[in-house]
Amino acid sequence: MKIKPSIAINDNGFMFDPHSGESYTTNPVAREIIFMMKNGCLESEIEAAILEKYEVDEITLEKNLIDFYAMLRHFNLSDES
């Protein structure tokens, strides 16, 4: 999954979709994931990076990532619909 190239995100986690005019705020972990996605990281690379950096078990992370990716699709922020 990739974030749409038109989606802007700043260092504080503020996201803006110029097509819809909608803006979103993210928490620090979501911001990291979105930056990794915008930089072309694969989902497996994102999962490995988060597992290494944070104290979270693999099952919990996988569930949370599935939910997060579904939210990105729901708000039309990803290239996958």
C-alpha atoms as a PDB file:
ATOM      1  CA  MET A   1       0.000   0.000   0.000  1.00  0.00           C
ATOM      2  CA  LYS A   2       1.141   3.518  -0.755  1.00  0.00           C
ATOM      3  CA  ILE A   3      -0.020   6.926   0.362  1.00  0.00           C
ATOM      4  CA  LYS A   4      -1.273   9.026  -2.551  1.00  0.00           C
ATOM      5  CA  PRO A   5       1.546  11.296  -3.769  1.00  0.00           C
ATOM      6  CA  SER A   6      -0.690  14.350  -3.461  1.00  0.00           C
ATOM      7  CA  ILE A   7      -1.130  13.851   0.300  1.00  0.00           C
ATOM      8  CA  ALA A   8       1.054  16.283   2.220  1.00  0.00           C
ATOM      9  CA  ILE A   9       2.325  15.523   5.716  1.00  0.00           C
ATOM     10  CA  ASN A  10       4.505  17.719   7.862  1.00  0.00           C
ATOM     11  CA  ASP A  11       6.960  16.771  10.603  1.00  0.00           C
ATOM     12  CA  ASN A  12       4.284  17.242  13.267  1.00  0.00           C
ATOM     13  CA  GLY A  13       1.983  14.654  11.669  1.00  0.00           C
ATOM     14  CA  PHE A  14      -0.493  17.073  10.109  1.00  0.00           C
ATOM     15  CA  MET A  15      -1.807  15.589   6.837  1.00  0.00           C
ATOM     16  CA  PHE A  16      -3.625  17.452   4.084  1.00  0.00           C
ATOM     17  CA  ASP A  17      -5.487  16.098   1.063  1.00  0.00           C
ATOM     18  CA  PRO A  18      -5.579  18.888  -1.542  1.00  0.00           C
ATOM     19  CA  HIS A  19      -8.227  17.091  -3.616  1.00  0.00           C
ATOM     20  CA  SER A  20     -10.820  16.913  -0.850  1.00  0.00           C
ATOM     21  CA  GLY A  21      -9.595  19.799   1.300  1.00  0.00           C
ATOM     22  CA  GLU A  22      -9.647  17.491   4.327  1.00  0.00           C
ATOM     23  CA  SER A  23      -6.927  17.600   6.951  1.00  0.00           C
ATOM     24  CA  TYR A  24      -5.949  14.981   9.513  1.00  0.00           C
ATOM     25  CA  THR A  25      -3.658  14.738  12.497  1.00  0.00           C
ATOM     26  CA  THR A  26      -1.688  11.634  13.337  1.00  0.00           C
ATOM     27  CA  ASN A  27       0.037  10.301  16.389  1.00  0.00           C
ATOM     28  CA  PRO A  28       3.833   9.802  16.311  1.00  0.00           C
ATOM     29  CA  VAL A  29       3.662   6.114  15.297  1.00  0.00           C
ATOM     30  CA  ALA A  30       1.162   6.779  12.501  1.00  0.00           C
ATOM     31  CA  ARG A  31       3.370   9.629  11.291  1.00  0.00           C
ATOM     32  CA  GLU A  32       6.353   7.252  11.113  1.00  0.00           C
ATOM     33  CA  ILE A  33       4.324   4.681   9.196  1.00  0.00           C
ATOM     34  CA  ILE A  34       3.051   7.269   6.718  1.00  0.00           C
ATOM     35  CA  PHE A  35       6.563   8.637   6.127  1.00  0.00           C
ATOM     36  CA  MET A  36       7.803   5.073   5.514  1.00  0.00           C
ATOM     37  CA  MET A  37       4.924   4.477   3.100  1.00  0.00           C
ATOM     38  CA  LYS A  38       5.654   7.724   1.234  1.00  0.00           C
ATOM     39  CA  ASN A  39       9.306   6.637   0.989  1.00  0.00           C
ATOM     40  CA  GLY A  40       8.292   3.386  -0.702  1.00  0.00           C
ATOM     41  CA  CYS A  41       8.768   0.965   2.195  1.00  0.00           C
ATOM     42  CA  LEU A  42       6.957  -2.337   1.891  1.00  0.00           C
ATOM     43  CA  GLU A  43       4.444  -3.373   4.531  1.00  0.00           C
ATOM     44  CA  SER A  44       6.879  -6.024   5.782  1.00  0.00           C
ATOM     45  CA  GLU A  45       9.601  -3.380   6.179  1.00  0.00           C
ATOM     46  CA  ILE A  46       7.246  -1.121   8.099  1.00  0.00           C
ATOM     47  CA  GLU A  47       6.236  -3.967  10.393  1.00  0.00           C
ATOM     48  CA  ALA A  48       9.873  -4.909  11.062  1.00  0.00           C
ATOM     49  CA  ALA A  49      10.817  -1.292  11.832  1.00  0.00           C
ATOM     50  CA  ILE A  50       7.949  -0.815  14.271  1.00  0.00           C
ATOM     51  CA  LEU A  51       8.620  -4.156  15.981  1.00  0.00           C
ATOM     52  CA  GLU A  52      12.248  -3.179  16.439  1.00  0.00           C
ATOM     53  CA  LYS A  53      11.544   0.313  17.759  1.00  0.00           C
ATOM     54  CA  TYR A  54       8.528  -0.249  20.031  1.00  0.00           C
ATOM     55  CA  GLU A  55       7.548  -2.795  22.651  1.00  0.00           C
ATOM     56  CA  VAL A  56       4.684  -4.478  20.855  1.00  0.00           C
ATOM     57  CA  ASP A  57       4.031  -8.107  20.013  1.00  0.00           C
ATOM     58  CA  GLU A  58       3.694  -9.153  16.404  1.00  0.00           C
ATOM     59  CA  ILE A  59       0.021 -10.169  16.597  1.00  0.00           C
ATOM     60  CA  THR A  60      -1.044  -6.838  18.124  1.00  0.00           C
ATOM     61  CA  LEU A  61       0.982  -4.896  15.582  1.00  0.00           C
ATOM     62  CA  GLU A  62      -0.453  -6.848  12.647  1.00  0.00           C
ATOM     63  CA  LYS A  63      -4.009  -6.202  13.868  1.00  0.00           C
ATOM     64  CA  ASN A  64      -3.304  -2.499  14.382  1.00  0.00           C
ATOM     65  CA  LEU A  65      -1.663  -2.172  10.957  1.00  0.00           C
ATOM     66  CA  ILE A  66      -4.633  -3.864   9.271  1.00  0.00           C
ATOM     67  CA  ASP A  67      -6.954  -1.399  11.017  1.00  0.00           C
ATOM     68  CA  PHE A  68      -4.697   1.549  10.123  1.00  0.00           C
ATOM     69  CA  TYR A  69      -4.488   0.560   6.447  1.00  0.00           C
ATOM     70  CA  ALA A  70      -8.297   0.134   6.367  1.00  0.00           C
ATOM     71  CA  MET A  71      -8.674   3.647   7.780  1.00  0.00           C
ATOM     72  CA  LEU A  72      -6.355   5.049   5.091  1.00  0.00           C
ATOM     73  CA  ARG A  73      -8.471   3.347   2.411  1.00  0.00           C
ATOM     74  CA  HIS A  74     -11.699   4.574   4.026  1.00  0.00           C
ATOM     75  CA  PHE A  75     -10.531   8.197   3.925  1.00  0.00           C
ATOM     76  CA  ASN A  76      -9.195   7.711   0.373  1.00  0.00           C
ATOM     77  CA  LEU A  77      -5.612   8.508   1.374  1.00  0.00           C
ATOM     78  CA  SER A  78      -4.010   5.463  -0.223  1.00  0.00           C
ATOM     79  CA  ASP A  79      -3.510   4.462  -3.835  1.00  0.00           C
ATOM     80  CA  GLU A  80      -5.448   1.268  -3.047  1.00  0.00           C
ATOM     81  CA  SER A  81      -9.211   1.655  -2.782  1.00  0.00           C
END
